[in-house]
């Protein structure tokens, strides 16, 4: 299966555009791995709606710009529920840091749902 081609076909059929706005090298907010990496500021747009966010590139990919597949496969495509559900699902303990991560995931889910709500099931197939 050609994951990149599938993501590009999905994007084309739904008018989705990915724009790299900037990048930097450093630590991602809310990540606890303590590893520096290339962090891209990206914008996903569809029609008149858009979502701007930071994307931490994998260490293996280095400074290579994220692909449509990279982004669509990684964005939050499901409602994580309340904090207790989030902790249970992802194996976290309810700490101050976990609450910060949880809130960031909820913000991302809200943006993704706003942008892709009518095609969310198709988006969920991109893994």
N, C-alpha and C. Protein backbone atom coordinates (compact mmCIF):
# COMPACT_ATOMS: atom_id res chain seq x y z
N UNK A 1 0.85 -1.18 0.00
CA UNK A 1 0.00 0.00 0.00
C UNK A 1 0.89 1.24 0.00
N UNK A 2 0.58 2.19 -0.83
CA UNK A 2 1.34 3.44 -0.91
C UNK A 2 0.64 4.49 -0.05
N UNK A 3 1.08 4.60 1.20
CA UNK A 3 0.44 5.49 2.16
C UNK A 3 0.51 6.95 1.72
N UNK A 4 1.65 7.36 1.19
CA UNK A 4 1.80 8.74 0.74
C UNK A 4 0.81 9.06 -0.38
N UNK A 5 0.70 8.15 -1.35
CA UNK A 5 -0.23 8.37 -2.47
C UNK A 5 -1.67 8.43 -1.97
N UNK A 6 -2.02 7.58 -1.02
CA UNK A 6 -3.38 7.60 -0.47
C UNK A 6 -3.67 8.92 0.23
N UNK A 7 -2.70 9.42 0.99
CA UNK A 7 -2.88 10.70 1.68
C UNK A 7 -3.00 11.84 0.67
N UNK A 8 -2.19 11.81 -0.38
CA UNK A 8 -2.27 12.85 -1.40
C UNK A 8 -3.58 12.80 -2.16
N UNK A 9 -4.06 11.60 -2.45
CA UNK A 9 -5.37 11.45 -3.12
C UNK A 9 -6.49 11.99 -2.24
N UNK A 10 -6.44 11.66 -0.96
CA UNK A 10 -7.43 12.15 0.00
C UNK A 10 -7.42 13.68 0.03
N UNK A 11 -6.23 14.24 0.14
CA UNK A 11 -6.09 15.69 0.19
C UNK A 11 -6.61 16.35 -1.08
N UNK A 12 -6.25 15.79 -2.21
CA UNK A 12 -6.69 16.37 -3.49
C UNK A 12 -8.21 16.30 -3.63
N UNK A 13 -8.79 15.16 -3.28
CA UNK A 13 -10.24 15.00 -3.46
C UNK A 13 -11.05 15.88 -2.51
N UNK A 14 -10.42 16.35 -1.42
CA UNK A 14 -11.15 17.18 -0.47
C UNK A 14 -10.61 18.60 -0.37
N UNK A 15 -9.73 18.97 -1.30
CA UNK A 15 -9.22 20.34 -1.35
C UNK A 15 -8.38 20.73 -0.14
N UNK A 16 -7.59 19.80 0.37
CA UNK A 16 -6.76 20.05 1.55
C UNK A 16 -5.37 20.47 1.10
N UNK A 17 -4.88 21.54 1.70
CA UNK A 17 -3.54 22.02 1.39
C UNK A 17 -2.70 22.03 2.65
N UNK A 18 -1.43 21.71 2.50
CA UNK A 18 -0.47 21.73 3.59
C UNK A 18 0.60 22.75 3.25
N UNK A 19 0.81 23.73 4.13
CA UNK A 19 1.79 24.78 3.90
C UNK A 19 2.77 24.80 5.07
N UNK A 20 4.06 24.80 4.75
CA UNK A 20 5.10 24.96 5.76
C UNK A 20 5.32 26.45 5.94
N UNK A 21 5.08 26.95 7.14
CA UNK A 21 5.23 28.38 7.41
C UNK A 21 6.63 28.73 7.91
N UNK A 22 7.20 27.85 8.72
CA UNK A 22 8.55 28.08 9.24
C UNK A 22 9.03 26.80 9.90
N UNK A 23 10.31 26.82 10.29
CA UNK A 23 10.82 25.71 11.10
C UNK A 23 11.94 26.21 11.99
N UNK A 24 12.16 25.44 13.04
CA UNK A 24 13.22 25.73 13.99
C UNK A 24 13.75 24.41 14.53
N UNK A 25 14.85 24.47 15.22
CA UNK A 25 15.41 23.28 15.84
C UNK A 25 15.33 23.48 17.35
N UNK A 26 14.75 22.52 18.05
CA UNK A 26 14.64 22.67 19.50
C UNK A 26 13.81 21.57 20.12
N UNK A 27 13.25 21.90 21.27
CA UNK A 27 12.40 20.97 22.01
C UNK A 27 10.93 21.30 21.75
N UNK A 28 10.12 20.26 21.64
CA UNK A 28 8.67 20.44 21.49
C UNK A 28 8.04 20.72 22.84
N UNK A 29 7.15 21.69 22.90
CA UNK A 29 6.36 21.90 24.12
C UNK A 29 5.53 20.66 24.37
N UNK A 30 5.34 20.30 25.61
CA UNK A 30 4.50 19.19 26.05
C UNK A 30 5.09 17.81 25.80
N UNK A 31 6.23 17.72 25.13
CA UNK A 31 6.85 16.40 24.92
C UNK A 31 7.81 16.15 26.07
N UNK A 32 7.91 14.91 26.46
CA UNK A 32 8.77 14.60 27.60
C UNK A 32 9.99 13.78 27.20
N UNK A 33 10.22 13.61 25.91
CA UNK A 33 11.35 12.77 25.50
C UNK A 33 12.70 13.47 25.64
N UNK A 34 12.70 14.81 25.77
CA UNK A 34 13.94 15.53 25.98
C UNK A 34 14.90 15.52 24.81
N UNK A 35 14.38 15.32 23.61
CA UNK A 35 15.21 15.25 22.41
C UNK A 35 14.92 16.47 21.53
N UNK A 36 15.98 17.10 21.05
CA UNK A 36 15.78 18.21 20.12
C UNK A 36 15.50 17.64 18.73
N UNK A 37 14.78 18.40 17.97
CA UNK A 37 14.38 17.97 16.62
C UNK A 37 13.98 19.19 15.81
N UNK A 38 13.76 19.00 14.53
CA UNK A 38 13.21 20.07 13.68
C UNK A 38 11.73 20.17 13.98
N UNK A 39 11.30 21.39 14.23
CA UNK A 39 9.90 21.67 14.55
C UNK A 39 9.38 22.61 13.48
N UNK A 40 8.39 22.15 12.76
CA UNK A 40 7.80 22.92 11.67
C UNK A 40 6.50 23.56 12.12
N UNK A 41 6.30 24.80 11.74
CA UNK A 41 4.99 25.43 11.90
C UNK A 41 4.27 25.20 10.58
N UNK A 42 3.14 24.51 10.67
CA UNK A 42 2.39 24.10 9.48
C UNK A 42 1.00 24.69 9.49
N UNK A 43 0.41 24.77 8.32
CA UNK A 43 -0.99 25.16 8.19
C UNK A 43 -1.69 24.17 7.29
N UNK A 44 -2.72 23.53 7.82
CA UNK A 44 -3.62 22.70 7.02
C UNK A 44 -4.81 23.57 6.69
N UNK A 45 -5.20 23.62 5.44
CA UNK A 45 -6.36 24.41 5.07
C UNK A 45 -7.28 23.61 4.16
N UNK A 46 -8.54 23.96 4.27
CA UNK A 46 -9.58 23.33 3.45
C UNK A 46 -10.68 24.35 3.28
N UNK A 47 -10.81 24.81 2.06
CA UNK A 47 -11.78 25.88 1.82
C UNK A 47 -11.34 27.13 2.56
N UNK A 48 -12.25 27.70 3.33
CA UNK A 48 -11.94 28.91 4.09
C UNK A 48 -11.47 28.62 5.51
N UNK A 49 -11.39 27.36 5.86
CA UNK A 49 -10.95 26.97 7.21
C UNK A 49 -9.48 26.59 7.19
N UNK A 50 -8.82 26.86 8.31
CA UNK A 50 -7.41 26.47 8.42
C UNK A 50 -7.07 26.15 9.87
N UNK A 51 -5.97 25.43 10.02
CA UNK A 51 -5.45 25.05 11.34
C UNK A 51 -3.95 25.19 11.28
N UNK A 52 -3.40 26.05 12.13
CA UNK A 52 -1.96 26.28 12.20
C UNK A 52 -1.44 25.65 13.49
N UNK A 53 -0.34 24.91 13.39
CA UNK A 53 0.17 24.16 14.53
C UNK A 53 1.64 23.84 14.33
N UNK A 54 2.28 23.38 15.41
CA UNK A 54 3.66 22.92 15.33
C UNK A 54 3.69 21.42 15.16
N UNK A 55 4.63 20.96 14.36
CA UNK A 55 4.80 19.53 14.07
C UNK A 55 6.26 19.17 14.33
N UNK A 56 6.48 18.28 15.28
CA UNK A 56 7.83 17.82 15.57
C UNK A 56 8.20 16.67 14.64
N UNK A 57 9.16 16.93 13.79
CA UNK A 57 9.59 15.91 12.82
C UNK A 57 10.30 14.77 13.54
N UNK A 58 10.22 13.58 12.99
CA UNK A 58 10.92 12.44 13.58
C UNK A 58 12.43 12.68 13.51
N UNK A 59 13.15 12.07 14.42
CA UNK A 59 14.60 12.19 14.43
C UNK A 59 15.18 11.62 13.13
N UNK A 60 14.63 10.50 12.68
CA UNK A 60 15.13 9.85 11.46
C UNK A 60 14.97 10.74 10.23
N UNK A 61 13.89 11.53 10.17
CA UNK A 61 13.64 12.38 9.00
C UNK A 61 14.46 13.67 9.05
N UNK A 62 15.00 13.99 10.21
CA UNK A 62 15.85 15.17 10.33
C UNK A 62 15.14 16.45 9.96
N UNK A 63 15.73 17.20 9.03
CA UNK A 63 15.16 18.49 8.63
C UNK A 63 14.25 18.38 7.40
N UNK A 64 13.97 17.17 6.98
CA UNK A 64 13.07 16.96 5.83
C UNK A 64 11.67 17.47 6.17
N UNK A 65 11.09 18.23 5.26
CA UNK A 65 9.74 18.75 5.50
C UNK A 65 8.74 17.60 5.64
N UNK A 66 7.78 17.74 6.55
CA UNK A 66 6.77 16.69 6.70
C UNK A 66 5.93 16.57 5.43
N UNK A 67 5.55 15.35 5.13
CA UNK A 67 4.68 15.09 3.97
C UNK A 67 3.23 15.16 4.41
N UNK A 68 2.35 15.17 3.44
CA UNK A 68 0.92 15.15 3.74
C UNK A 68 0.59 13.91 4.57
N UNK A 69 1.18 12.79 4.20
CA UNK A 69 0.93 11.57 4.97
C UNK A 69 1.43 11.72 6.41
N UNK A 70 2.65 12.23 6.59
CA UNK A 70 3.19 12.41 7.94
C UNK A 70 2.19 13.15 8.82
N UNK A 71 1.65 14.23 8.29
CA UNK A 71 0.77 15.09 9.07
C UNK A 71 -0.59 14.44 9.29
N UNK A 72 -1.21 13.95 8.22
CA UNK A 72 -2.55 13.36 8.37
C UNK A 72 -2.54 12.10 9.22
N UNK A 73 -1.44 11.36 9.18
CA UNK A 73 -1.36 10.14 10.00
C UNK A 73 -1.18 10.47 11.48
N UNK A 74 -0.60 11.64 11.78
CA UNK A 74 -0.25 11.96 13.17
C UNK A 74 -1.26 12.84 13.90
N UNK A 75 -2.09 13.57 13.18
CA UNK A 75 -3.00 14.47 13.88
C UNK A 75 -4.05 13.68 14.67
N UNK A 76 -4.59 14.32 15.69
CA UNK A 76 -5.57 13.68 16.57
C UNK A 76 -6.90 13.53 15.82
N UNK A 77 -7.31 12.28 15.59
CA UNK A 77 -8.52 12.02 14.79
C UNK A 77 -9.68 11.47 15.60
N UNK A 78 -9.52 11.44 16.92
CA UNK A 78 -10.57 10.91 17.79
C UNK A 78 -10.70 11.77 19.03
N UNK A 79 -11.91 11.89 19.54
CA UNK A 79 -12.17 12.56 20.80
C UNK A 79 -11.62 11.68 21.92
N UNK A 80 -10.76 12.22 22.78
CA UNK A 80 -10.15 11.42 23.84
C UNK A 80 -10.99 11.38 25.11
N UNK A 81 -12.13 12.09 25.12
CA UNK A 81 -12.98 12.08 26.30
C UNK A 81 -12.43 12.95 27.41
N UNK A 82 -12.76 12.59 28.63
CA UNK A 82 -12.30 13.38 29.77
C UNK A 82 -10.88 12.96 30.17
N UNK A 83 -10.34 13.66 31.16
CA UNK A 83 -8.96 13.41 31.58
C UNK A 83 -8.77 11.96 32.05
N UNK A 84 -9.73 11.42 32.77
CA UNK A 84 -9.61 10.04 33.24
C UNK A 84 -9.53 9.06 32.07
N UNK A 85 -10.38 9.26 31.05
CA UNK A 85 -10.33 8.40 29.85
C UNK A 85 -8.98 8.54 29.15
N UNK A 86 -8.51 9.78 29.03
CA UNK A 86 -7.23 10.05 28.37
C UNK A 86 -6.09 9.32 29.08
N UNK A 87 -6.05 9.44 30.40
CA UNK A 87 -4.99 8.78 31.18
C UNK A 87 -5.08 7.27 31.03
N UNK A 88 -6.27 6.74 31.09
CA UNK A 88 -6.46 5.29 30.96
C UNK A 88 -6.05 4.80 29.58
N UNK A 89 -6.45 5.51 28.55
CA UNK A 89 -6.18 5.10 27.17
C UNK A 89 -4.68 5.13 26.84
N UNK A 90 -3.98 6.16 27.34
CA UNK A 90 -2.59 6.35 26.95
C UNK A 90 -1.59 5.99 28.05
N UNK A 91 -2.08 5.48 29.18
CA UNK A 91 -1.19 5.01 30.24
C UNK A 91 -0.54 6.10 31.05
N UNK A 92 -1.19 7.27 31.16
CA UNK A 92 -0.65 8.37 31.95
C UNK A 92 -1.19 8.33 33.37
N UNK A 93 -0.44 8.96 34.27
CA UNK A 93 -0.92 9.27 35.61
C UNK A 93 -1.42 10.71 35.55
N UNK A 94 -2.48 11.05 36.29
CA UNK A 94 -3.01 12.42 36.24
C UNK A 94 -2.11 13.41 37.00
N UNK A 95 -1.14 13.96 36.30
CA UNK A 95 -0.21 14.95 36.87
C UNK A 95 -0.48 16.31 36.22
N UNK A 96 0.23 17.32 36.72
CA UNK A 96 0.12 18.66 36.13
C UNK A 96 0.53 18.63 34.66
N UNK A 97 1.62 17.93 34.38
CA UNK A 97 2.09 17.84 32.99
C UNK A 97 1.06 17.09 32.12
N UNK A 98 0.49 16.02 32.63
CA UNK A 98 -0.50 15.25 31.87
C UNK A 98 -1.71 16.13 31.53
N UNK A 99 -2.14 16.96 32.47
CA UNK A 99 -3.27 17.86 32.20
C UNK A 99 -2.94 18.83 31.07
N UNK A 100 -1.69 19.30 31.05
CA UNK A 100 -1.25 20.22 29.99
C UNK A 100 -1.28 19.50 28.63
N UNK A 101 -0.78 18.27 28.60
CA UNK A 101 -0.80 17.48 27.36
C UNK A 101 -2.24 17.21 26.94
N UNK A 102 -3.07 16.83 27.89
CA UNK A 102 -4.48 16.54 27.62
C UNK A 102 -5.18 17.76 26.99
N UNK A 103 -4.96 18.92 27.55
CA UNK A 103 -5.58 20.13 27.01
C UNK A 103 -5.10 20.41 25.59
N UNK A 104 -3.81 20.17 25.33
CA UNK A 104 -3.27 20.38 23.98
C UNK A 104 -3.90 19.40 22.99
N UNK A 105 -4.07 18.15 23.42
CA UNK A 105 -4.69 17.14 22.55
C UNK A 105 -6.15 17.52 22.28
N UNK A 106 -6.85 18.01 23.30
CA UNK A 106 -8.25 18.42 23.11
C UNK A 106 -8.36 19.60 22.15
N UNK A 107 -7.43 20.55 22.25
CA UNK A 107 -7.43 21.69 21.30
C UNK A 107 -7.19 21.19 19.88
N UNK A 108 -6.25 20.25 19.74
CA UNK A 108 -5.98 19.72 18.41
C UNK A 108 -7.20 18.99 17.86
N UNK A 109 -7.84 18.17 18.68
CA UNK A 109 -9.04 17.45 18.25
C UNK A 109 -10.13 18.43 17.81
N UNK A 110 -10.33 19.50 18.56
CA UNK A 110 -11.36 20.48 18.20
C UNK A 110 -11.06 21.11 16.83
N UNK A 111 -9.79 21.42 16.58
CA UNK A 111 -9.40 22.02 15.30
C UNK A 111 -9.59 21.02 14.16
N UNK A 112 -9.20 19.77 14.38
CA UNK A 112 -9.34 18.74 13.35
C UNK A 112 -10.82 18.48 13.07
N UNK A 113 -11.62 18.41 14.12
CA UNK A 113 -13.05 18.18 13.93
C UNK A 113 -13.71 19.33 13.17
N UNK A 114 -13.28 20.56 13.46
CA UNK A 114 -13.83 21.73 12.75
C UNK A 114 -13.46 21.68 11.28
N UNK A 115 -12.22 21.29 10.99
CA UNK A 115 -11.72 21.29 9.62
C UNK A 115 -12.22 20.08 8.82
N UNK A 116 -12.33 18.93 9.47
CA UNK A 116 -12.61 17.68 8.76
C UNK A 116 -13.85 16.94 9.25
N UNK A 117 -14.70 17.60 10.02
CA UNK A 117 -15.84 16.92 10.64
C UNK A 117 -16.70 16.13 9.67
N UNK A 118 -16.90 16.64 8.48
CA UNK A 118 -17.77 15.96 7.52
C UNK A 118 -17.08 14.79 6.81
N UNK A 119 -15.75 14.68 6.97
CA UNK A 119 -15.01 13.59 6.33
C UNK A 119 -14.10 12.87 7.34
N UNK A 120 -14.45 12.99 8.61
CA UNK A 120 -13.58 12.46 9.67
C UNK A 120 -13.37 10.96 9.54
N UNK A 121 -14.36 10.21 9.13
CA UNK A 121 -14.20 8.75 9.01
C UNK A 121 -13.18 8.40 7.93
N UNK A 122 -13.17 9.14 6.84
CA UNK A 122 -12.15 8.91 5.80
C UNK A 122 -10.77 9.27 6.32
N UNK A 123 -10.70 10.38 7.07
CA UNK A 123 -9.43 10.80 7.66
C UNK A 123 -8.91 9.75 8.64
N UNK A 124 -9.80 9.16 9.40
CA UNK A 124 -9.39 8.15 10.38
C UNK A 124 -8.77 6.92 9.72
N UNK A 125 -9.06 6.70 8.46
CA UNK A 125 -8.48 5.56 7.73
C UNK A 125 -7.01 5.78 7.40
N UNK A 126 -6.55 7.03 7.47
CA UNK A 126 -5.14 7.32 7.19
C UNK A 126 -4.35 7.10 8.47
N UNK A 127 -3.58 6.02 8.47
CA UNK A 127 -2.83 5.65 9.68
C UNK A 127 -1.39 5.39 9.37
